[in-house]
Amino acid sequence: MNEIKITNITYVHDPEAMQKWLDLYVNLFKEALNSEIANLGEDEHTLLEKELREL
């Protein structure tokens, strides 16, 4: 799988293009987060759930 790394977006002139970038960024973030969660052990899941409840 190829990887992409977004380091900085300073300004996008086209609102539609900005929305597409934002959608892509959010989807990539969700995929990365879901992947990390899927790889957690049972104890780590419990710790994560506890930390989220404390927010």
PDB file of N, CA and C in Angstrom:
ATOM      1  N   MET A   1       0.841  -1.179   0.000  1.00  0.00           N
ATOM      2  CA  MET A   1       0.000   0.000   0.000  1.00  0.00           C
ATOM      3  C   MET A   1       0.885   1.242   0.000  1.00  0.00           C
ATOM      4  N   ASN A   2       0.555   2.196  -0.837  1.00  0.00           N
ATOM      5  CA  ASN A   2       1.285   3.461  -0.866  1.00  0.00           C
ATOM      6  C   ASN A   2       0.838   4.325   0.294  1.00  0.00           C
ATOM      7  N   GLU A   3       1.742   5.126   0.796  1.00  0.00           N
ATOM      8  CA  GLU A   3       1.410   6.007   1.908  1.00  0.00           C
ATOM      9  C   GLU A   3       1.461   7.451   1.459  1.00  0.00           C
ATOM     10  N   ILE A   4       0.617   8.262   2.063  1.00  0.00           N
ATOM     11  CA  ILE A   4       0.615   9.692   1.812  1.00  0.00           C
ATOM     12  C   ILE A   4       0.726  10.382   3.162  1.00  0.00           C
ATOM     13  N   LYS A   5       1.496  11.444   3.196  1.00  0.00           N
ATOM     14  CA  LYS A   5       1.655  12.184   4.442  1.00  0.00           C
ATOM     15  C   LYS A   5       1.343  13.653   4.163  1.00  0.00           C
ATOM     16  N   ILE A   6       0.304  14.150   4.814  1.00  0.00           N
ATOM     17  CA  ILE A   6      -0.068  15.552   4.680  1.00  0.00           C
ATOM     18  C   ILE A   6       0.579  16.281   5.850  1.00  0.00           C
ATOM     19  N   THR A   7       1.472  17.193   5.533  1.00  0.00           N
ATOM     20  CA  THR A   7       2.178  17.893   6.601  1.00  0.00           C
ATOM     21  C   THR A   7       1.657  19.295   6.825  1.00  0.00           C
ATOM     22  N   ASN A   8       1.153  19.930   5.742  1.00  0.00           N
ATOM     23  CA  ASN A   8       0.744  21.313   5.909  1.00  0.00           C
ATOM     24  C   ASN A   8      -0.117  21.749   4.732  1.00  0.00           C
ATOM     25  N   ILE A   9      -1.254  22.327   5.033  1.00  0.00           N
ATOM     26  CA  ILE A   9      -2.072  22.986   4.021  1.00  0.00           C
ATOM     27  C   ILE A   9      -2.293  24.394   4.555  1.00  0.00           C
ATOM     28  N   THR A  10      -1.713  25.373   3.876  1.00  0.00           N
ATOM     29  CA  THR A  10      -1.805  26.732   4.399  1.00  0.00           C
ATOM     30  C   THR A  10      -3.038  27.467   3.894  1.00  0.00           C
ATOM     31  N   TYR A  11      -3.354  27.311   2.625  1.00  0.00           N
ATOM     32  CA  TYR A  11      -4.510  28.025   2.095  1.00  0.00           C
ATOM     33  C   TYR A  11      -4.960  27.347   0.811  1.00  0.00           C
ATOM     34  N   VAL A  12      -6.255  27.152   0.679  1.00  0.00           N
ATOM     35  CA  VAL A  12      -6.819  26.583  -0.539  1.00  0.00           C
ATOM     36  C   VAL A  12      -7.818  27.606  -1.067  1.00  0.00           C
ATOM     37  N   HIS A  13      -7.651  28.009  -2.308  1.00  0.00           N
ATOM     38  CA  HIS A  13      -8.482  29.063  -2.894  1.00  0.00           C
ATOM     39  C   HIS A  13      -9.888  28.583  -3.242  1.00  0.00           C
ATOM     40  N   ASP A  14     -10.029  27.322  -3.577  1.00  0.00           N
ATOM     41  CA  ASP A  14     -11.309  26.782  -4.044  1.00  0.00           C
ATOM     42  C   ASP A  14     -12.022  26.080  -2.890  1.00  0.00           C
ATOM     43  N   PRO A  15     -13.198  26.563  -2.483  1.00  0.00           N
ATOM     44  CA  PRO A  15     -13.924  25.938  -1.365  1.00  0.00           C
ATOM     45  C   PRO A  15     -14.252  24.455  -1.605  1.00  0.00           C
ATOM     46  N   GLU A  16     -14.559  24.097  -2.848  1.00  0.00           N
ATOM     47  CA  GLU A  16     -14.845  22.689  -3.148  1.00  0.00           C
ATOM     48  C   GLU A  16     -13.603  21.831  -2.977  1.00  0.00           C
ATOM     49  N   ALA A  17     -12.471  22.359  -3.415  1.00  0.00           N
ATOM     50  CA  ALA A  17     -11.213  21.623  -3.259  1.00  0.00           C
ATOM     51  C   ALA A  17     -10.875  21.474  -1.781  1.00  0.00           C
ATOM     52  N   MET A  18     -11.122  22.529  -1.007  1.00  0.00           N
ATOM     53  CA  MET A  18     -10.847  22.458   0.431  1.00  0.00           C
ATOM     54  C   MET A  18     -11.717  21.387   1.085  1.00  0.00           C
ATOM     55  N   GLN A  19     -12.985  21.321   0.697  1.00  0.00           N
ATOM     56  CA  GLN A  19     -13.878  20.310   1.261  1.00  0.00           C
ATOM     57  C   GLN A  19     -13.397  18.911   0.909  1.00  0.00           C
ATOM     58  N   LYS A  20     -12.910  18.727  -0.321  1.00  0.00           N
ATOM     59  CA  LYS A  20     -12.388  17.412  -0.729  1.00  0.00           C
ATOM     60  C   LYS A  20     -11.153  17.051   0.097  1.00  0.00           C
ATOM     61  N   TRP A  21     -10.250  18.025   0.317  1.00  0.00           N
ATOM     62  CA  TRP A  21      -9.058  17.776   1.140  1.00  0.00           C
ATOM     63  C   TRP A  21      -9.455  17.424   2.570  1.00  0.00           C
ATOM     64  N   LEU A  22     -10.417  18.179   3.108  1.00  0.00           N
ATOM     65  CA  LEU A  22     -10.857  17.917   4.472  1.00  0.00           C
ATOM     66  C   LEU A  22     -11.473  16.529   4.582  1.00  0.00           C
ATOM     67  N   ASP A  23     -12.322  16.162   3.635  1.00  0.00           N
ATOM     68  CA  ASP A  23     -12.934  14.828   3.637  1.00  0.00           C
ATOM     69  C   ASP A  23     -11.869  13.734   3.559  1.00  0.00           C
ATOM     70  N   LEU A  24     -10.884  13.931   2.690  1.00  0.00           N
ATOM     71  CA  LEU A  24      -9.797  12.960   2.553  1.00  0.00           C
ATOM     72  C   LEU A  24      -9.014  12.854   3.860  1.00  0.00           C
ATOM     73  N   TYR A  25      -8.673  13.986   4.446  1.00  0.00           N
ATOM     74  CA  TYR A  25      -7.912  14.007   5.696  1.00  0.00           C
ATOM     75  C   TYR A  25      -8.667  13.294   6.811  1.00  0.00           C
ATOM     76  N   VAL A  26      -9.952  13.589   6.947  1.00  0.00           N
ATOM     77  CA  VAL A  26     -10.762  12.969   7.995  1.00  0.00           C
ATOM     78  C   VAL A  26     -10.852  11.462   7.775  1.00  0.00           C
ATOM     79  N   ASN A  27     -11.047  11.040   6.532  1.00  0.00           N
ATOM     80  CA  ASN A  27     -11.119   9.604   6.249  1.00  0.00           C
ATOM     81  C   ASN A  27      -9.796   8.903   6.542  1.00  0.00           C
ATOM     82  N   LEU A  28      -8.683   9.536   6.171  1.00  0.00           N
ATOM     83  CA  LEU A  28      -7.372   8.946   6.467  1.00  0.00           C
ATOM     84  C   LEU A  28      -7.152   8.848   7.975  1.00  0.00           C
ATOM     85  N   PHE A  29      -7.561   9.883   8.707  1.00  0.00           N
ATOM     86  CA  PHE A  29      -7.427   9.880  10.161  1.00  0.00           C
ATOM     87  C   PHE A  29      -8.270   8.759  10.773  1.00  0.00           C
ATOM     88  N   LYS A  30      -9.512   8.611  10.305  1.00  0.00           N
ATOM     89  CA  LYS A  30     -10.384   7.547  10.816  1.00  0.00           C
ATOM     90  C   LYS A  30      -9.787   6.167  10.562  1.00  0.00           C
ATOM     91  N   GLU A  31      -9.268   5.963   9.345  1.00  0.00           N
ATOM     92  CA  GLU A  31      -8.660   4.670   9.015  1.00  0.00           C
ATOM     93  C   GLU A  31      -7.469   4.384   9.920  1.00  0.00           C
ATOM     94  N   ALA A  32      -6.627   5.384  10.130  1.00  0.00           N
ATOM     95  CA  ALA A  32      -5.447   5.200  10.987  1.00  0.00           C
ATOM     96  C   ALA A  32      -5.873   4.914  12.422  1.00  0.00           C
ATOM     97  N   LEU A  33      -6.860   5.649  12.914  1.00  0.00           N
ATOM     98  CA  LEU A  33      -7.345   5.447  14.280  1.00  0.00           C
ATOM     99  C   LEU A  33      -7.970   4.067  14.439  1.00  0.00           C
ATOM    100  N   ASN A  34      -8.796   3.666  13.482  1.00  0.00           N
ATOM    101  CA  ASN A  34      -9.416   2.337  13.547  1.00  0.00           C
ATOM    102  C   ASN A  34      -8.374   1.230  13.499  1.00  0.00           C
ATOM    103  N   SER A  35      -7.334   1.441  12.705  1.00  0.00           N
ATOM    104  CA  SER A  35      -6.255   0.460  12.625  1.00  0.00           C
ATOM    105  C   SER A  35      -5.531   0.337  13.965  1.00  0.00           C
ATOM    106  N   GLU A  36      -5.254   1.476  14.587  1.00  0.00           N
ATOM    107  CA  GLU A  36      -4.591   1.466  15.897  1.00  0.00           C
ATOM    108  C   GLU A  36      -5.469   0.773  16.942  1.00  0.00           C
ATOM    109  N   ILE A  37      -6.757   1.072  16.936  1.00  0.00           N
ATOM    110  CA  ILE A  37      -7.678   0.470  17.900  1.00  0.00           C
ATOM    111  C   ILE A  37      -7.769  -1.033  17.683  1.00  0.00           C
ATOM    112  N   ALA A  38      -7.797  -1.452  16.425  1.00  0.00           N
ATOM    113  CA  ALA A  38      -7.899  -2.879  16.114  1.00  0.00           C
ATOM    114  C   ALA A  38      -6.675  -3.646  16.606  1.00  0.00           C
ATOM    115  N   ASN A  39      -5.538  -2.967  16.695  1.00  0.00           N
ATOM    116  CA  ASN A  39      -4.304  -3.628  17.114  1.00  0.00           C
ATOM    117  C   ASN A  39      -4.059  -3.572  18.621  1.00  0.00           C
ATOM    118  N   LEU A  40      -4.965  -2.937  19.359  1.00  0.00           N
ATOM    119  CA  LEU A  40      -4.810  -2.865  20.808  1.00  0.00           C
ATOM    120  C   LEU A  40      -5.158  -4.200  21.454  1.00  0.00           C
ATOM    121  N   GLY A  41      -4.474  -4.514  22.525  1.00  0.00           N
ATOM    122  CA  GLY A  41      -4.812  -5.687  23.319  1.00  0.00           C
ATOM    123  C   GLY A  41      -6.007  -5.392  24.206  1.00  0.00           C
ATOM    124  N   GLU A  42      -6.534  -6.417  24.871  1.00  0.00           N
ATOM    125  CA  GLU A  42      -7.721  -6.249  25.714  1.00  0.00           C
ATOM    126  C   GLU A  42      -7.495  -5.243  26.830  1.00  0.00           C
ATOM    127  N   ASP A  43      -6.347  -5.300  27.498  1.00  0.00           N
ATOM    128  CA  ASP A  43      -6.049  -4.364  28.577  1.00  0.00           C
ATOM    129  C   ASP A  43      -5.976  -2.927  28.058  1.00  0.00           C
ATOM    130  N   GLU A  44      -5.410  -2.763  26.868  1.00  0.00           N
ATOM    131  CA  GLU A  44      -5.304  -1.427  26.288  1.00  0.00           C
ATOM    132  C   GLU A  44      -6.681  -0.885  25.902  1.00  0.00           C
ATOM    133  N   HIS A  45      -7.581  -1.770  25.425  1.00  0.00           N
ATOM    134  CA  HIS A  45      -8.950  -1.349  25.117  1.00  0.00           C
ATOM    135  C   HIS A  45      -9.630  -0.825  26.376  1.00  0.00           C
ATOM    136  N   THR A  46      -9.462  -1.541  27.474  1.00  0.00           N
ATOM    137  CA  THR A  46     -10.070  -1.131  28.738  1.00  0.00           C
ATOM    138  C   THR A  46      -9.527   0.224  29.175  1.00  0.00           C
ATOM    139  N   LEU A  47      -8.231   0.418  29.068  1.00  0.00           N
ATOM    140  CA  LEU A  47      -7.608   1.686  29.434  1.00  0.00           C
ATOM    141  C   LEU A  47      -8.117   2.808  28.537  1.00  0.00           C
ATOM    142  N   LEU A  48      -8.204   2.561  27.245  1.00  0.00           N
ATOM    143  CA  LEU A  48      -8.696   3.568  26.305  1.00  0.00           C
ATOM    144  C   LEU A  48     -10.145   3.950  26.627  1.00  0.00           C
ATOM    145  N   GLU A  49     -10.985   2.969  26.885  1.00  0.00           N
ATOM    146  CA  GLU A  49     -12.382   3.246  27.229  1.00  0.00           C
ATOM    147  C   GLU A  49     -12.472   4.099  28.484  1.00  0.00           C
ATOM    148  N   LYS A  50     -11.635   3.778  29.492  1.00  0.00           N
ATOM    149  CA  LYS A  50     -11.631   4.544  30.744  1.00  0.00           C
ATOM    150  C   LYS A  50     -11.214   5.996  30.474  1.00  0.00           C
ATOM    151  N   GLU A  51     -10.169   6.183  29.677  1.00  0.00           N
ATOM    152  CA  GLU A  51      -9.696   7.530  29.368  1.00  0.00           C
ATOM    153  C   GLU A  51     -10.751   8.316  28.605  1.00  0.00           C
ATOM    154  N   LEU A  52     -11.450   7.674  27.692  1.00  0.00           N
ATOM    155  CA  LEU A  52     -12.481   8.368  26.928  1.00  0.00           C
ATOM    156  C   LEU A  52     -13.641   8.785  27.811  1.00  0.00           C
ATOM    157  N   ARG A  53     -13.999   7.967  28.782  1.00  0.00           N
ATOM    158  CA  ARG A  53     -15.086   8.317  29.704  1.00  0.00           C
ATOM    159  C   ARG A  53     -14.718   9.513  30.565  1.00  0.00           C
ATOM    160  N   GLU A  54     -13.440   9.663  30.854  1.00  0.00           N
ATOM    161  CA  GLU A  54     -12.983  10.771  31.700  1.00  0.00           C
ATOM    162  C   GLU A  54     -12.937  12.101  30.964  1.00  0.00           C
ATOM    163  N   LEU A  55     -13.074  12.070  29.646  1.00  0.00           N
ATOM    164  CA  LEU A  55     -13.034  13.326  28.868  1.00  0.00           C
ATOM    165  C   LEU A  55     -14.265  14.100  29.060  1.00  0.00           C
TER     166      LEU A  55
END
